[in-house]
N, C-alpha and C. Protein backbone atom coordinates (compact mmCIF):
# COMPACT_ATOMS: atom_id res chain seq x y z
N MET A 1 -12.81 15.25 33.02
CA MET A 1 -11.21 15.73 33.56
C MET A 1 -11.73 17.35 34.25
N ILE A 2 -10.79 17.25 35.42
CA ILE A 2 -10.99 18.46 36.23
C ILE A 2 -9.49 19.02 36.08
N LEU A 3 -9.47 20.18 35.62
CA LEU A 3 -8.17 21.08 35.20
C LEU A 3 -7.79 21.54 36.17
N SER A 4 -6.45 21.24 36.67
CA SER A 4 -5.41 22.17 37.80
C SER A 4 -5.27 23.61 37.24
N PRO A 5 -5.31 24.41 38.24
CA PRO A 5 -5.05 26.01 38.00
C PRO A 5 -3.54 26.01 38.23
N PHE A 6 -2.82 25.01 38.60
CA PHE A 6 -1.30 25.38 38.68
C PHE A 6 -0.40 24.43 37.64
N GLY A 7 -1.05 24.16 36.64
CA GLY A 7 -0.13 23.66 35.54
C GLY A 7 -0.01 22.06 35.64
N ARG A 8 -0.75 21.46 36.59
CA ARG A 8 -0.26 19.96 36.61
C ARG A 8 -1.52 19.18 35.98
N LYS A 9 -0.98 18.12 35.77
CA LYS A 9 -1.85 17.10 34.92
C LYS A 9 -3.26 17.20 35.31
N PRO A 10 -4.16 17.24 34.41
CA PRO A 10 -5.72 17.14 34.91
C PRO A 10 -5.99 15.87 35.55
N GLN A 11 -6.78 16.31 36.64
CA GLN A 11 -7.14 15.29 37.51
C GLN A 11 -8.34 14.47 36.85
N PRO A 12 -8.50 12.59 36.88
CA PRO A 12 -9.58 12.29 36.24
C PRO A 12 -10.90 12.41 37.18
N SER A 13 -11.82 12.24 36.60
CA SER A 13 -12.96 12.43 37.36
C SER A 13 -14.41 11.62 36.40
N LEU A 14 -15.11 11.03 37.22
CA LEU A 14 -16.00 10.19 36.45
C LEU A 14 -17.30 10.46 37.51
N ASP A 15 -18.58 10.11 36.79
CA ASP A 15 -19.85 9.90 37.81
C ASP A 15 -20.04 8.23 37.83
N ASP A 16 -19.71 8.29 39.29
CA ASP A 16 -19.90 6.73 39.71
C ASP A 16 -21.29 6.57 40.01
N GLN A 17 -21.86 4.91 39.58
CA GLN A 17 -23.18 4.72 39.94
C GLN A 17 -23.63 4.70 41.16
N THR A 18 -22.77 4.47 42.14
CA THR A 18 -22.80 4.49 43.87
C THR A 18 -22.37 5.82 44.37
N PHE A 19 -21.20 6.19 44.15
CA PHE A 19 -20.45 7.13 44.79
C PHE A 19 -20.57 8.52 44.12
N GLY A 20 -21.64 8.98 42.92
CA GLY A 20 -21.65 10.19 42.36
C GLY A 20 -20.47 10.57 41.67
N ALA A 21 -20.37 12.00 41.76
CA ALA A 21 -19.47 12.86 40.53
C ALA A 21 -18.27 12.80 41.81
N ILE A 22 -17.16 11.85 41.52
CA ILE A 22 -16.13 11.77 41.94
C ILE A 22 -14.81 12.23 40.89
N SER A 23 -13.89 12.72 41.98
CA SER A 23 -12.54 12.90 40.90
C SER A 23 -11.21 12.37 41.82
N MET A 24 -10.33 12.22 40.99
CA MET A 24 -9.07 11.50 41.63
C MET A 24 -8.16 12.53 42.19
N THR A 25 -7.94 12.60 43.65
CA THR A 25 -7.18 13.46 44.30
C THR A 25 -5.58 12.98 44.78
N SER A 26 -5.34 11.91 44.24
CA SER A 26 -3.90 11.23 44.42
C SER A 26 -4.09 9.95 43.56
N GLU A 27 -2.76 9.16 43.44
CA GLU A 27 -2.85 8.19 42.60
C GLU A 27 -3.67 6.98 43.09
N LYS A 28 -4.30 6.93 44.21
CA LYS A 28 -5.00 6.13 44.70
C LYS A 28 -6.11 6.20 45.40
N CYS A 29 -6.71 7.49 45.30
CA CYS A 29 -7.77 8.05 46.04
C CYS A 29 -9.04 8.74 45.15
N TRP A 30 -9.96 8.51 45.21
CA TRP A 30 -10.88 9.06 44.61
C TRP A 30 -11.82 10.03 45.75
N GLU A 31 -12.50 11.17 45.47
CA GLU A 31 -13.21 11.96 46.61
C GLU A 31 -14.32 12.27 45.86
N ASN A 32 -15.35 12.66 46.90
CA ASN A 32 -16.68 13.39 46.49
C ASN A 32 -16.83 14.16 47.97
N ARG A 33 -16.56 15.48 47.92
CA ARG A 33 -16.84 16.21 48.77
C ARG A 33 -18.39 16.73 48.95
N ALA A 34 -19.22 16.60 48.16
CA ALA A 34 -20.46 16.82 48.31
C ALA A 34 -21.37 15.34 48.33
N PHE A 35 -21.03 14.55 49.06
CA PHE A 35 -21.70 13.17 49.02
C PHE A 35 -22.92 13.52 50.37
N ARG A 36 -23.95 12.69 50.01
CA ARG A 36 -24.80 12.54 50.83
C ARG A 36 -25.25 11.14 51.19
N PHE A 37 -25.46 11.17 52.74
CA PHE A 37 -25.44 9.59 53.15
C PHE A 37 -25.96 9.85 54.63
N ALA A 38 -26.99 9.01 54.52
CA ALA A 38 -27.94 9.00 55.79
C ALA A 38 -28.46 10.08 56.34
N GLY A 39 -29.15 10.90 55.69
CA GLY A 39 -29.48 12.30 55.77
C GLY A 39 -28.47 13.35 56.23
N TYR A 40 -27.14 12.72 56.08
CA TYR A 40 -26.32 13.83 56.34
C TYR A 40 -25.64 14.38 54.89
N GLU A 41 -25.56 15.57 54.68
CA GLU A 41 -24.91 16.35 53.79
C GLU A 41 -24.42 17.94 54.23
N PRO A 42 -22.87 18.19 53.38
CA PRO A 42 -22.18 17.08 52.72
C PRO A 42 -21.24 16.24 53.76
N VAL A 43 -21.12 15.16 52.94
CA VAL A 43 -19.83 14.51 53.77
C VAL A 43 -18.86 14.28 52.63
N GLN A 44 -17.67 14.11 53.15
CA GLN A 44 -16.59 14.08 52.33
C GLN A 44 -16.10 12.45 52.13
N LEU A 45 -16.52 12.02 51.14
CA LEU A 45 -16.16 10.63 50.74
C LEU A 45 -15.02 10.56 49.87
N LEU A 46 -14.08 9.40 50.62
CA LEU A 46 -12.92 8.94 50.09
C LEU A 46 -12.92 7.45 49.84
N VAL A 47 -12.50 7.06 48.55
CA VAL A 47 -12.57 5.85 48.16
C VAL A 47 -11.26 5.54 47.36
N ASP A 48 -10.55 4.66 48.09
CA ASP A 48 -9.32 4.02 47.54
C ASP A 48 -9.55 3.77 46.08
N GLY A 49 -8.54 3.73 45.13
CA GLY A 49 -8.69 3.26 43.74
C GLY A 49 -7.89 3.75 42.98
N ASP A 50 -7.82 2.90 41.74
CA ASP A 50 -6.79 3.47 40.73
C ASP A 50 -7.58 4.46 39.69
N GLU A 51 -7.01 4.38 38.54
CA GLU A 51 -7.49 5.33 37.68
C GLU A 51 -8.86 4.63 37.20
N GLY A 52 -8.94 3.49 37.30
CA GLY A 52 -10.33 2.71 36.80
C GLY A 52 -11.39 3.09 37.89
N GLY A 53 -11.50 3.31 39.08
CA GLY A 53 -12.50 4.04 39.59
C GLY A 53 -12.75 2.97 40.55
N PRO A 54 -13.75 3.11 41.64
CA PRO A 54 -14.05 2.24 42.79
C PRO A 54 -14.34 0.62 42.21
N THR A 55 -14.01 -0.14 42.83
CA THR A 55 -14.09 -1.70 42.00
C THR A 55 -15.87 -1.85 42.78
N GLN A 56 -16.20 -2.78 41.95
CA GLN A 56 -17.63 -3.66 42.26
C GLN A 56 -17.49 -4.01 43.81
N ALA A 57 -16.39 -4.36 44.21
CA ALA A 57 -16.44 -5.11 45.56
C ALA A 57 -16.79 -3.70 46.73
N GLN A 58 -16.41 -2.73 46.36
CA GLN A 58 -16.60 -1.37 47.11
C GLN A 58 -17.71 -1.05 47.06
N ARG A 59 -18.60 -0.74 45.94
CA ARG A 59 -19.50 -0.51 45.62
C ARG A 59 -21.06 -1.62 46.54
N HIS A 60 -20.55 -2.63 46.32
CA HIS A 60 -21.29 -3.78 46.96
C HIS A 60 -21.11 -3.47 48.52
N PHE A 61 -20.13 -3.34 49.17
CA PHE A 61 -20.10 -2.96 50.45
C PHE A 61 -20.80 -1.66 51.09
N PHE A 62 -20.38 -0.74 50.02
CA PHE A 62 -21.35 0.65 50.48
C PHE A 62 -22.69 0.17 50.27
N ASP A 63 -23.16 -0.01 49.54
CA ASP A 63 -24.58 -0.56 48.91
C ASP A 63 -25.17 -1.34 50.46
N GLU A 64 -24.45 -2.47 51.03
CA GLU A 64 -24.90 -3.14 52.08
C GLU A 64 -24.63 -2.42 53.26
N LEU A 65 -23.43 -1.03 53.46
CA LEU A 65 -23.63 -0.20 54.56
C LEU A 65 -24.90 0.53 54.57
N SER A 66 -25.25 1.25 53.32
CA SER A 66 -26.43 2.17 53.44
C SER A 66 -27.62 1.03 53.76
N ALA A 67 -27.75 -0.02 53.11
CA ALA A 67 -28.99 -0.69 53.33
C ALA A 67 -29.21 -1.10 54.90
N ARG A 68 -28.20 -1.00 55.63
CA ARG A 68 -27.85 -1.81 57.10
C ARG A 68 -27.63 -0.73 58.13
N TYR A 69 -27.78 0.86 57.65
CA TYR A 69 -27.22 1.52 58.28
C TYR A 69 -27.90 1.84 59.71
N ALA A 70 -29.17 1.92 59.36
CA ALA A 70 -29.91 2.12 60.41
C ALA A 70 -30.00 0.98 61.84
N GLU A 71 -29.73 -0.05 61.30
CA GLU A 71 -29.30 -1.24 62.24
C GLU A 71 -28.07 -1.03 62.78
N LEU A 72 -26.84 -0.60 61.93
CA LEU A 72 -25.50 -0.50 62.47
C LEU A 72 -25.16 0.60 63.28
N GLU A 73 -26.21 1.58 62.91
CA GLU A 73 -25.72 2.95 63.53
C GLU A 73 -25.15 3.31 65.08
N PRO A 74 -25.91 2.42 65.66
CA PRO A 74 -25.50 2.48 67.13
C PRO A 74 -24.50 1.55 67.40
N ARG A 75 -24.19 0.86 66.78
CA ARG A 75 -22.70 -0.13 66.78
C ARG A 75 -21.75 0.94 66.62
N ILE A 76 -21.91 1.48 65.58
CA ILE A 76 -20.72 2.43 64.89
C ILE A 76 -20.45 3.70 65.79
N ARG A 77 -21.32 4.23 66.39
CA ARG A 77 -21.22 5.48 67.57
C ARG A 77 -20.60 4.90 68.77
N GLN A 78 -20.93 3.72 69.11
CA GLN A 78 -20.19 3.15 70.03
C GLN A 78 -18.91 3.04 70.00
N ALA A 79 -18.47 2.38 68.73
CA ALA A 79 -17.03 2.24 68.54
C ALA A 79 -16.36 3.38 68.23
N LEU A 80 -16.84 4.40 67.54
CA LEU A 80 -16.42 5.88 67.48
C LEU A 80 -16.20 6.68 69.16
N SER A 81 -17.12 6.23 69.52
CA SER A 81 -17.03 7.08 71.17
C SER A 81 -16.08 6.43 71.78
N ALA A 82 -15.89 5.08 71.65
CA ALA A 82 -14.62 4.21 72.43
C ALA A 82 -13.36 4.69 71.96
N TYR A 83 -13.35 4.87 70.56
CA TYR A 83 -12.29 5.28 69.99
C TYR A 83 -11.61 6.68 70.46
N ARG A 84 -12.36 7.79 70.47
CA ARG A 84 -12.37 8.89 70.95
C ARG A 84 -11.78 8.82 72.65
N GLU A 85 -12.44 8.01 73.36
CA GLU A 85 -11.87 7.90 74.53
C GLU A 85 -10.39 7.33 74.73
N ASP A 86 -9.95 6.33 73.87
CA ASP A 86 -8.77 5.79 73.69
C ASP A 86 -7.56 6.82 72.78
N HIS A 87 -7.79 7.50 72.12
CA HIS A 87 -7.53 8.53 71.57
C HIS A 87 -7.67 10.11 71.67
N PRO A 88 -7.08 10.68 72.77
CA PRO A 88 -7.83 12.14 72.75
C PRO A 88 -6.97 13.15 71.98
N ARG A 89 -7.81 14.15 71.55
CA ARG A 89 -7.14 15.14 70.64
C ARG A 89 -5.71 15.42 71.44
N ARG A 90 -4.94 15.91 70.68
CA ARG A 90 -3.83 16.78 71.27
C ARG A 90 -4.05 18.15 70.52
N ASN A 91 -3.46 19.15 71.60
CA ASN A 91 -3.72 20.31 70.90
C ASN A 91 -2.40 20.61 70.03
N ALA A 92 -2.58 21.27 69.11
CA ALA A 92 -1.72 21.54 67.82
C ALA A 92 -0.69 22.24 68.49
N PHE A 93 -0.80 23.24 68.99
CA PHE A 93 -0.04 24.42 69.24
C PHE A 93 0.82 23.60 70.74
N GLY A 94 0.68 22.80 71.39
CA GLY A 94 1.43 22.53 72.44
C GLY A 94 1.70 21.10 72.93
């Protein structure tokens, strides 16, 4: 458990076999801000889940993604690039 400095209820935390040291940030989200993935670190990892933590299906999906990342990376980059073109950043001040 991570104690909140603002007197709120302590945040649940656990050491997950796939996602590492994660803590619950809201009612339905787990986070690891120091995650390592595909040679990148830190990567902010967010996983939907209740107080029971991530599911086996989520772990299985992530394990598959990790195993196939080198194969999938070009397609992922292409999809993200196309998304950026279709959704230009807006200026927050104007």
